[in-house]
Amino acid sequence: MSTSIRFLCFFLQDEFLDVIYWLRQIIAVILGVIWGVAPLKGFLGIAIFCIINAGVLYVYFSSFQQIDEEEYGGTWELTKEGFMTSFALFLVGMLIF
């Protein structure tokens, strides 16, 4: 019984990390298109993207989901989950538009 409970907890933890990953990708595409259309380029555009991306995800998992961050390795682990791929997707979206 305890093995199945541990497996279920691991499965739900992995599922939550997938939700964070894909939510970050959606944010990156939307912000990449907006930044590409608007004249927001350079360091300022990248810095604002990083702040919005990390801020939205932090609010999502700390206030909306109200999870225990320590179960997932701490706040930093959740904040950086899928960040580099979303950053690359943001840059591609910004450059195309």
PDB file of N, CA and C in Angstrom:
ATOM      1  N   MET A   1       0.820  -1.193   0.000  1.00  0.00           N
ATOM      2  CA  MET A   1       0.000   0.000   0.000  1.00  0.00           C
ATOM      3  C   MET A   1       0.868   1.262   0.000  1.00  0.00           C
ATOM      4  N   SER A   2       1.895   1.290   0.820  1.00  0.00           N
ATOM      5  CA  SER A   2       2.733   2.482   0.901  1.00  0.00           C
ATOM      6  C   SER A   2       3.515   2.707  -0.390  1.00  0.00           C
ATOM      7  N   THR A   3       3.845   1.621  -1.101  1.00  0.00           N
ATOM      8  CA  THR A   3       4.549   1.758  -2.377  1.00  0.00           C
ATOM      9  C   THR A   3       3.662   2.428  -3.413  1.00  0.00           C
ATOM     10  N   SER A   4       2.402   2.048  -3.432  1.00  0.00           N
ATOM     11  CA  SER A   4       1.481   2.659  -4.392  1.00  0.00           C
ATOM     12  C   SER A   4       1.223   4.122  -4.054  1.00  0.00           C
ATOM     13  N   ILE A   5       1.208   4.463  -2.791  1.00  0.00           N
ATOM     14  CA  ILE A   5       1.016   5.865  -2.392  1.00  0.00           C
ATOM     15  C   ILE A   5       2.235   6.686  -2.793  1.00  0.00           C
ATOM     16  N   ARG A   6       3.441   6.134  -2.597  1.00  0.00           N
ATOM     17  CA  ARG A   6       4.649   6.846  -3.012  1.00  0.00           C
ATOM     18  C   ARG A   6       4.697   7.029  -4.519  1.00  0.00           C
ATOM     19  N   PHE A   7       4.272   6.004  -5.281  1.00  0.00           N
ATOM     20  CA  PHE A   7       4.231   6.103  -6.735  1.00  0.00           C
ATOM     21  C   PHE A   7       3.229   7.172  -7.163  1.00  0.00           C
ATOM     22  N   LEU A   8       2.069   7.215  -6.514  1.00  0.00           N
ATOM     23  CA  LEU A   8       1.054   8.217  -6.839  1.00  0.00           C
ATOM     24  C   LEU A   8       1.563   9.622  -6.543  1.00  0.00           C
ATOM     25  N   CYS A   9       2.242   9.803  -5.425  1.00  0.00           N
ATOM     26  CA  CYS A   9       2.807  11.112  -5.085  1.00  0.00           C
ATOM     27  C   CYS A   9       3.861  11.519  -6.107  1.00  0.00           C
ATOM     28  N   PHE A  10       4.711  10.589  -6.529  1.00  0.00           N
ATOM     29  CA  PHE A  10       5.721  10.890  -7.541  1.00  0.00           C
ATOM     30  C   PHE A  10       5.056  11.250  -8.860  1.00  0.00           C
ATOM     31  N   PHE A  11       4.003  10.518  -9.230  1.00  0.00           N
ATOM     32  CA  PHE A  11       3.294  10.781 -10.474  1.00  0.00           C
ATOM     33  C   PHE A  11       2.653  12.168 -10.444  1.00  0.00           C
ATOM     34  N   LEU A  12       2.027  12.518  -9.334  1.00  0.00           N
ATOM     35  CA  LEU A  12       1.392  13.837  -9.225  1.00  0.00           C
ATOM     36  C   LEU A  12       2.438  14.943  -9.217  1.00  0.00           C
ATOM     37  N   GLN A  13       3.589  14.698  -8.594  1.00  0.00           N
ATOM     38  CA  GLN A  13       4.660  15.682  -8.577  1.00  0.00           C
ATOM     39  C   GLN A  13       5.185  15.908  -9.991  1.00  0.00           C
ATOM     40  N   ASP A  14       5.380  14.855 -10.734  1.00  0.00           N
ATOM     41  CA  ASP A  14       5.859  14.960 -12.107  1.00  0.00           C
ATOM     42  C   ASP A  14       4.825  15.659 -12.977  1.00  0.00           C
ATOM     43  N   GLU A  15       3.567  15.393 -12.746  1.00  0.00           N
ATOM     44  CA  GLU A  15       2.491  16.036 -13.492  1.00  0.00           C
ATOM     45  C   GLU A  15       2.453  17.542 -13.221  1.00  0.00           C
ATOM     46  N   PHE A  16       2.662  17.940 -11.979  1.00  0.00           N
ATOM     47  CA  PHE A  16       2.671  19.359 -11.642  1.00  0.00           C
ATOM     48  C   PHE A  16       3.841  20.076 -12.308  1.00  0.00           C
ATOM     49  N   LEU A  17       5.003  19.424 -12.361  1.00  0.00           N
ATOM     50  CA  LEU A  17       6.149  20.018 -13.044  1.00  0.00           C
ATOM     51  C   LEU A  17       5.888  20.151 -14.539  1.00  0.00           C
ATOM     52  N   ASP A  18       5.134  19.215 -15.120  1.00  0.00           N
ATOM     53  CA  ASP A  18       4.753  19.332 -16.530  1.00  0.00           C
ATOM     54  C   ASP A  18       3.837  20.521 -16.758  1.00  0.00           C
ATOM     55  N   VAL A  19       2.920  20.748 -15.835  1.00  0.00           N
ATOM     56  CA  VAL A  19       2.018  21.901 -15.943  1.00  0.00           C
ATOM     57  C   VAL A  19       2.815  23.196 -15.900  1.00  0.00           C
ATOM     58  N   ILE A  20       3.771  23.282 -15.001  1.00  0.00           N
ATOM     59  CA  ILE A  20       4.615  24.470 -14.912  1.00  0.00           C
ATOM     60  C   ILE A  20       5.414  24.657 -16.202  1.00  0.00           C
ATOM     61  N   TYR A  21       5.970  23.569 -16.726  1.00  0.00           N
ATOM     62  CA  TYR A  21       6.760  23.636 -17.954  1.00  0.00           C
ATOM     63  C   TYR A  21       5.925  24.181 -19.111  1.00  0.00           C
ATOM     64  N   TRP A  22       4.752  23.622 -19.328  1.00  0.00           N
ATOM     65  CA  TRP A  22       3.942  24.039 -20.471  1.00  0.00           C
ATOM     66  C   TRP A  22       3.324  25.409 -20.282  1.00  0.00           C
ATOM     67  N   LEU A  23       2.999  25.778 -19.063  1.00  0.00           N
ATOM     68  CA  LEU A  23       2.506  27.130 -18.807  1.00  0.00           C
ATOM     69  C   LEU A  23       3.587  28.154 -19.137  1.00  0.00           C
ATOM     70  N   ARG A  24       4.812  27.834 -18.791  1.00  0.00           N
ATOM     71  CA  ARG A  24       5.935  28.720 -19.106  1.00  0.00           C
ATOM     72  C   ARG A  24       6.127  28.853 -20.614  1.00  0.00           C
ATOM     73  N   GLN A  25       5.925  27.767 -21.365  1.00  0.00           N
ATOM     74  CA  GLN A  25       6.077  27.823 -22.825  1.00  0.00           C
ATOM     75  C   GLN A  25       4.988  28.697 -23.451  1.00  0.00           C
ATOM     76  N   ILE A  26       3.772  28.601 -22.933  1.00  0.00           N
ATOM     77  CA  ILE A  26       2.671  29.431 -23.442  1.00  0.00           C
ATOM     78  C   ILE A  26       2.953  30.897 -23.176  1.00  0.00           C
ATOM     79  N   ILE A  27       3.424  31.202 -21.982  1.00  0.00           N
ATOM     80  CA  ILE A  27       3.782  32.587 -21.643  1.00  0.00           C
ATOM     81  C   ILE A  27       4.872  33.091 -22.580  1.00  0.00           C
ATOM     82  N   ALA A  28       5.858  32.248 -22.886  1.00  0.00           N
ATOM     83  CA  ALA A  28       6.972  32.651 -23.754  1.00  0.00           C
ATOM     84  C   ALA A  28       6.490  32.970 -25.163  1.00  0.00           C
ATOM     85  N   VAL A  29       5.596  32.160 -25.701  1.00  0.00           N
ATOM     86  CA  VAL A  29       5.086  32.419 -27.052  1.00  0.00           C
ATOM     87  C   VAL A  29       4.297  33.727 -27.080  1.00  0.00           C
ATOM     88  N   ILE A  30       3.429  33.910 -26.111  1.00  0.00           N
ATOM     89  CA  ILE A  30       2.605  35.130 -26.079  1.00  0.00           C
ATOM     90  C   ILE A  30       3.482  36.369 -25.929  1.00  0.00           C
ATOM     91  N   LEU A  31       4.415  36.340 -24.982  1.00  0.00           N
ATOM     92  CA  LEU A  31       5.281  37.501 -24.777  1.00  0.00           C
ATOM     93  C   LEU A  31       6.238  37.706 -25.945  1.00  0.00           C
ATOM     94  N   GLY A  32       6.683  36.629 -26.582  1.00  0.00           N
ATOM     95  CA  GLY A  32       7.558  36.760 -27.744  1.00  0.00           C
ATOM     96  C   GLY A  32       6.868  37.466 -28.892  1.00  0.00           C
ATOM     97  N   VAL A  33       5.618  37.129 -29.131  1.00  0.00           N
ATOM     98  CA  VAL A  33       4.857  37.799 -30.195  1.00  0.00           C
ATOM     99  C   VAL A  33       4.612  39.263 -29.833  1.00  0.00           C
ATOM    100  N   ILE A  34       4.243  39.518 -28.589  1.00  0.00           N
ATOM    101  CA  ILE A  34       4.001  40.909 -28.162  1.00  0.00           C
ATOM    102  C   ILE A  34       5.277  41.736 -28.258  1.00  0.00           C
ATOM    103  N   TRP A  35       6.385  41.165 -27.791  1.00  0.00           N
ATOM    104  CA  TRP A  35       7.665  41.891 -27.854  1.00  0.00           C
ATOM    105  C   TRP A  35       8.123  42.080 -29.291  1.00  0.00           C
ATOM    106  N   GLY A  36       7.797  41.147 -30.169  1.00  0.00           N
ATOM    107  CA  GLY A  36       8.173  41.280 -31.570  1.00  0.00           C
ATOM    108  C   GLY A  36       7.386  42.367 -32.272  1.00  0.00           C
ATOM    109  N   VAL A  37       6.104  42.487 -31.958  1.00  0.00           N
ATOM    110  CA  VAL A  37       5.259  43.505 -32.575  1.00  0.00           C
ATOM    111  C   VAL A  37       5.554  44.876 -31.973  1.00  0.00           C
ATOM    112  N   ALA A  38       5.666  44.921 -30.664  1.00  0.00           N
ATOM    113  CA  ALA A  38       5.988  46.188 -29.982  1.00  0.00           C
ATOM    114  C   ALA A  38       7.497  46.438 -30.125  1.00  0.00           C
ATOM    115  N   PRO A  39       7.902  47.674 -30.136  1.00  0.00           N
ATOM    116  CA  PRO A  39       9.340  47.957 -30.269  1.00  0.00           C
ATOM    117  C   PRO A  39      10.088  47.775 -28.939  1.00  0.00           C
ATOM    118  N   LEU A  40       9.989  46.586 -28.362  1.00  0.00           N
ATOM    119  CA  LEU A  40      10.641  46.301 -27.082  1.00  0.00           C
ATOM    120  C   LEU A  40      11.774  45.318 -27.345  1.00  0.00           C
ATOM    121  N   LYS A  41      12.979  45.822 -27.470  1.00  0.00           N
ATOM    122  CA  LYS A  41      14.139  45.006 -27.847  1.00  0.00           C
ATOM    123  C   LYS A  41      15.258  45.167 -26.824  1.00  0.00           C
ATOM    124  N   GLY A  42      16.284  44.369 -26.984  1.00  0.00           N
ATOM    125  CA  GLY A  42      17.494  44.504 -26.192  1.00  0.00           C
ATOM    126  C   GLY A  42      17.376  44.001 -24.778  1.00  0.00           C
ATOM    127  N   PHE A  43      18.251  44.513 -23.939  1.00  0.00           N
ATOM    128  CA  PHE A  43      18.335  44.071 -22.553  1.00  0.00           C
ATOM    129  C   PHE A  43      17.046  44.344 -21.794  1.00  0.00           C
ATOM    130  N   LEU A  44      16.424  45.476 -22.035  1.00  0.00           N
ATOM    131  CA  LEU A  44      15.196  45.823 -21.331  1.00  0.00           C
ATOM    132  C   LEU A  44      14.090  44.813 -21.639  1.00  0.00           C
ATOM    133  N   GLY A  45      13.930  44.444 -22.900  1.00  0.00           N
ATOM    134  CA  GLY A  45      12.917  43.468 -23.275  1.00  0.00           C
ATOM    135  C   GLY A  45      13.162  42.106 -22.651  1.00  0.00           C
ATOM    136  N   ILE A  46      14.414  41.675 -22.645  1.00  0.00           N
ATOM    137  CA  ILE A  46      14.758  40.381 -22.057  1.00  0.00           C
ATOM    138  C   ILE A  46      14.561  40.404 -20.544  1.00  0.00           C
ATOM    139  N   ALA A  47      14.952  41.488 -19.899  1.00  0.00           N
ATOM    140  CA  ALA A  47      14.796  41.593 -18.448  1.00  0.00           C
ATOM    141  C   ALA A  47      13.322  41.592 -18.050  1.00  0.00           C
ATOM    142  N   ILE A  48      12.501  42.324 -18.786  1.00  0.00           N
ATOM    143  CA  ILE A  48      11.069  42.351 -18.479  1.00  0.00           C
ATOM    144  C   ILE A  48      10.452  40.977 -18.701  1.00  0.00           C
ATOM    145  N   PHE A  49      10.871  40.274 -19.765  1.00  0.00           N
ATOM    146  CA  PHE A  49      10.385  38.908 -19.987  1.00  0.00           C
ATOM    147  C   PHE A  49      10.730  38.010 -18.809  1.00  0.00           C
ATOM    148  N   CYS A  50      11.970  38.061 -18.342  1.00  0.00           N
ATOM    149  CA  CYS A  50      12.395  37.210 -17.235  1.00  0.00           C
ATOM    150  C   CYS A  50      11.593  37.495 -15.969  1.00  0.00           C
ATOM    151  N   ILE A  51      11.364  38.763 -15.705  1.00  0.00           N
ATOM    152  CA  ILE A  51      10.607  39.142 -14.507  1.00  0.00           C
ATOM    153  C   ILE A  51       9.162  38.669 -14.605  1.00  0.00           C
ATOM    154  N   ILE A  52       8.532  38.899 -15.754  1.00  0.00           N
ATOM    155  CA  ILE A  52       7.139  38.478 -15.921  1.00  0.00           C
ATOM    156  C   ILE A  52       7.030  36.959 -15.877  1.00  0.00           C
ATOM    157  N   ASN A  53       7.914  36.271 -16.568  1.00  0.00           N
ATOM    158  CA  ASN A  53       7.878  34.818 -16.632  1.00  0.00           C
ATOM    159  C   ASN A  53       8.042  34.202 -15.247  1.00  0.00           C
ATOM    160  N   ALA A  54       9.045  34.635 -14.526  1.00  0.00           N
ATOM    161  CA  ALA A  54       9.270  34.099 -13.180  1.00  0.00           C
ATOM    162  C   ALA A  54       8.170  34.536 -12.220  1.00  0.00           C
ATOM    163  N   GLY A  55       7.715  35.777 -12.352  1.00  0.00           N
ATOM    164  CA  GLY A  55       6.682  36.295 -11.446  1.00  0.00           C
ATOM    165  C   GLY A  55       5.349  35.595 -11.598  1.00  0.00           C
ATOM    166  N   VAL A  56       4.924  35.371 -12.831  1.00  0.00           N
ATOM    167  CA  VAL A  56       3.642  34.701 -13.058  1.00  0.00           C
ATOM    168  C   VAL A  56       3.683  33.280 -12.519  1.00  0.00           C
ATOM    169  N   LEU A  57       4.780  32.577 -12.784  1.00  0.00           N
ATOM    170  CA  LEU A  57       4.890  31.208 -12.288  1.00  0.00           C
ATOM    171  C   LEU A  57       4.977  31.163 -10.772  1.00  0.00           C
ATOM    172  N   TYR A  58       5.665  32.104 -10.155  1.00  0.00           N
ATOM    173  CA  TYR A  58       5.759  32.130  -8.699  1.00  0.00           C
ATOM    174  C   TYR A  58       4.390  32.357  -8.075  1.00  0.00           C
ATOM    175  N   VAL A  59       3.644  33.302  -8.624  1.00  0.00           N
ATOM    176  CA  VAL A  59       2.291  33.551  -8.112  1.00  0.00           C
ATOM    177  C   VAL A  59       1.418  32.319  -8.321  1.00  0.00           C
ATOM    178  N   TYR A  60       1.582  31.650  -9.460  1.00  0.00           N
ATOM    179  CA  TYR A  60       0.782  30.465  -9.745  1.00  0.00           C
ATOM    180  C   TYR A  60       1.013  29.360  -8.724  1.00  0.00           C
ATOM    181  N   PHE A  61       2.269  29.010  -8.471  1.00  0.00           N
ATOM    182  CA  PHE A  61       2.484  27.876  -7.582  1.00  0.00           C
ATOM    183  C   PHE A  61       2.470  28.228  -6.108  1.00  0.00           C
ATOM    184  N   SER A  62       2.659  29.497  -5.749  1.00  0.00           N
ATOM    185  CA  SER A  62       2.647  29.824  -4.321  1.00  0.00           C
ATOM    186  C   SER A  62       1.279  30.308  -3.844  1.00  0.00           C
ATOM    187  N   SER A  63       0.581  31.098  -4.651  1.00  0.00           N
ATOM    188  CA  SER A  63      -0.704  31.634  -4.211  1.00  0.00           C
ATOM    189  C   SER A  63      -1.892  30.836  -4.744  1.00  0.00           C
ATOM    190  N   PHE A  64      -1.863  30.528  -6.039  1.00  0.00           N
ATOM    191  CA  PHE A  64      -3.009  29.859  -6.646  1.00  0.00           C
ATOM    192  C   PHE A  64      -3.064  28.382  -6.276  1.00  0.00           C
ATOM    193  N   GLN A  65      -1.970  27.650  -6.454  1.00  0.00           N
ATOM    194  CA  GLN A  65      -1.934  26.222  -6.128  1.00  0.00           C
ATOM    195  C   GLN A  65      -1.664  25.958  -4.646  1.00  0.00           C
ATOM    196  N   GLN A  66      -0.989  26.849  -3.985  1.00  0.00           N
ATOM    197  CA  GLN A  66      -0.644  26.757  -2.562  1.00  0.00           C
ATOM    198  C   GLN A  66       0.019  25.416  -2.218  1.00  0.00           C
ATOM    199  N   ILE A  67       1.067  25.097  -2.961  1.00  0.00           N
ATOM    200  CA  ILE A  67       1.783  23.847  -2.721  1.00  0.00           C
ATOM    201  C   ILE A  67       2.932  24.087  -1.752  1.00  0.00           C
ATOM    202  N   ASP A  68       3.469  23.010  -1.238  1.00  0.00           N
ATOM    203  CA  ASP A  68       4.667  23.081  -0.412  1.00  0.00           C
ATOM    204  C   ASP A  68       5.871  23.013  -1.344  1.00  0.00           C
ATOM    205  N   GLU A  69       6.591  24.127  -1.482  1.00  0.00           N
ATOM    206  CA  GLU A  69       7.714  24.193  -2.422  1.00  0.00           C
ATOM    207  C   GLU A  69       8.804  23.189  -2.099  1.00  0.00           C
ATOM    208  N   GLU A  70       8.945  22.844  -0.843  1.00  0.00           N
ATOM    209  CA  GLU A  70      10.014  21.931  -0.442  1.00  0.00           C
ATOM    210  C   GLU A  70       9.809  20.522  -0.992  1.00  0.00           C
ATOM    211  N   GLU A  71       8.576  20.145  -1.307  1.00  0.00           N
ATOM    212  CA  GLU A  71       8.332  18.835  -1.916  1.00  0.00           C
ATOM    213  C   GLU A  71       8.939  18.750  -3.310  1.00  0.00           C
ATOM    214  N   TYR A  72       9.110  19.894  -3.958  1.00  0.00           N
ATOM    215  CA  TYR A  72       9.610  19.947  -5.329  1.00  0.00           C
ATOM    216  C   TYR A  72      11.045  20.445  -5.415  1.00  0.00           C
ATOM    217  N   GLY A  73      11.717  20.563  -4.295  1.00  0.00           N
ATOM    218  CA  GLY A  73      13.110  20.974  -4.295  1.00  0.00           C
ATOM    219  C   GLY A  73      13.311  22.443  -3.981  1.00  0.00           C
ATOM    220  N   GLY A  74      12.291  23.131  -3.552  1.00  0.00           N
ATOM    221  CA  GLY A  74      12.403  24.537  -3.182  1.00  0.00           C
ATOM    222  C   GLY A  74      11.858  25.467  -4.249  1.00  0.00           C
ATOM    223  N   THR A  75      11.767  26.714  -3.893  1.00  0.00           N
ATOM    224  CA  THR A  75      11.217  27.730  -4.787  1.00  0.00           C
ATOM    225  C   THR A  75      12.075  27.893  -6.032  1.00  0.00           C
ATOM    226  N   TRP A  76      13.385  27.836  -5.872  1.00  0.00           N
ATOM    227  CA  TRP A  76      14.271  28.036  -7.006  1.00  0.00           C
ATOM    228  C   TRP A  76      14.088  26.947  -8.056  1.00  0.00           C
ATOM    229  N   GLU A  77      13.920  25.705  -7.636  1.00  0.00           N
ATOM    230  CA  GLU A  77      13.730  24.597  -8.581  1.00  0.00           C
ATOM    231  C   GLU A  77      12.442  24.779  -9.377  1.00  0.00           C
ATOM    232  N   LEU A  78      11.393  25.213  -8.730  1.00  0.00           N
ATOM    233  CA  LEU A  78      10.133  25.439  -9.439  1.00  0.00           C
ATOM    234  C   LEU A  78      10.221  26.645 -10.358  1.00  0.00           C
ATOM    235  N   THR A  79      10.960  27.664  -9.942  1.00  0.00           N
ATOM    236  CA  THR A  79      11.074  28.867 -10.753  1.00  0.00           C
ATOM    237  C   THR A  79      11.896  28.619 -12.011  1.00  0.00           C
ATOM    238  N   LYS A  80      12.899  27.761 -11.928  1.00  0.00           N
ATOM    239  CA  LYS A  80      13.740  27.542 -13.105  1.00  0.00           C
ATOM    240  C   LYS A  80      13.283  26.367 -13.963  1.00  0.00           C
ATOM    241  N   GLU A  81      12.214  25.670 -13.593  1.00  0.00           N
ATOM    242  CA  GLU A  81      11.707  24.528 -14.361  1.00  0.00           C
ATOM    243  C   GLU A  81      11.280  24.973 -15.760  1.00  0.00           C
ATOM    244  N   GLY A  82      12.019  24.558 -16.763  1.00  0.00           N
ATOM    245  CA  GLY A  82      11.697  24.862 -18.156  1.00  0.00           C
ATOM    246  C   GLY A  82      12.003  26.280 -18.586  1.00  0.00           C
ATOM    247  N   PHE A  83      12.815  26.992 -17.818  1.00  0.00           N
ATOM    248  CA  PHE A  83      13.061  28.400 -18.146  1.00  0.00           C
ATOM    249  C   PHE A  83      13.880  28.569 -19.423  1.00  0.00           C
ATOM    250  N   MET A  84      14.928  27.771 -19.600  1.00  0.00           N
ATOM    251  CA  MET A  84      15.792  27.974 -20.769  1.00  0.00           C
ATOM    252  C   MET A  84      15.077  27.673 -22.074  1.00  0.00           C
ATOM    253  N   THR A  85      14.231  26.661 -22.101  1.00  0.00           N
ATOM    254  CA  THR A  85      13.486  26.391 -23.330  1.00  0.00           C
ATOM    255  C   THR A  85      12.469  27.482 -23.599  1.00  0.00           C
ATOM    256  N   SER A  86      11.854  28.013 -22.541  1.00  0.00           N
ATOM    257  CA  SER A  86      10.902  29.107 -22.757  1.00  0.00           C
ATOM    258  C   SER A  86      11.635  30.377 -23.199  1.00  0.00           C
ATOM    259  N   PHE A  87      12.853  30.571 -22.720  1.00  0.00           N
ATOM    260  CA  PHE A  87      13.634  31.728 -23.134  1.00  0.00           C
ATOM    261  C   PHE A  87      13.987  31.632 -24.615  1.00  0.00           C
ATOM    262  N   ALA A  88      14.369  30.429 -25.049  1.00  0.00           N
ATOM    263  CA  ALA A  88      14.675  30.225 -26.478  1.00  0.00           C
ATOM    264  C   ALA A  88      13.428  30.427 -27.328  1.00  0.00           C
ATOM    265  N   LEU A  89      12.306  29.932 -26.868  1.00  0.00           N
ATOM    266  CA  LEU A  89      11.047  30.104 -27.593  1.00  0.00           C
ATOM    267  C   LEU A  89      10.652  31.578 -27.651  1.00  0.00           C
ATOM    268  N   PHE A  90      10.881  32.302 -26.569  1.00  0.00           N
ATOM    269  CA  PHE A  90      10.614  33.734 -26.538  1.00  0.00           C
ATOM    270  C   PHE A  90      11.470  34.475 -27.565  1.00  0.00           C
ATOM    271  N   LEU A  91      12.753  34.138 -27.623  1.00  0.00           N
ATOM    272  CA  LEU A  91      13.655  34.804 -28.573  1.00  0.00           C
ATOM    273  C   LEU A  91      13.262  34.517 -30.019  1.00  0.00           C
ATOM    274  N   VAL A  92      12.869  33.283 -30.291  1.00  0.00           N
ATOM    275  CA  VAL A  92      12.431  32.950 -31.650  1.00  0.00           C
ATOM    276  C   VAL A  92      11.167  33.722 -31.995  1.00  0.00           C
ATOM    277  N   GLY A  93      10.217  33.760 -31.082  1.00  0.00           N
ATOM    278  CA  GLY A  93       8.987  34.518 -31.322  1.00  0.00           C
ATOM    279  C   GLY A  93       9.237  35.998 -31.501  1.00  0.00           C
ATOM    280  N   MET A  94      10.160  36.529 -30.724  1.00  0.00           N
ATOM    281  CA  MET A  94      10.485  37.951 -30.827  1.00  0.00           C
ATOM    282  C   MET A  94      11.173  38.268 -32.150  1.00  0.00           C
ATOM    283  N   LEU A  95      12.024  37.369 -32.614  1.00  0.00           N
ATOM    284  CA  LEU A  95      12.753  37.614 -33.857  1.00  0.00           C
ATOM    285  C   LEU A  95      11.872  37.443 -35.092  1.00  0.00           C
ATOM    286  N   ILE A  96      10.933  36.510 -35.045  1.00  0.00           N
ATOM    287  CA  ILE A  96      10.078  36.272 -36.205  1.00  0.00           C
ATOM    288  C   ILE A  96       9.116  37.432 -36.430  1.00  0.00           C
ATOM    289  N   PHE A  97       8.576  37.968 -35.343  1.00  0.00           N
ATOM    290  CA  PHE A  97       7.595  39.043 -35.502  1.00  0.00           C
ATOM    291  C   PHE A  97       8.283  40.335 -35.365  1.00  0.00           C
TER     292      PHE A  97
END
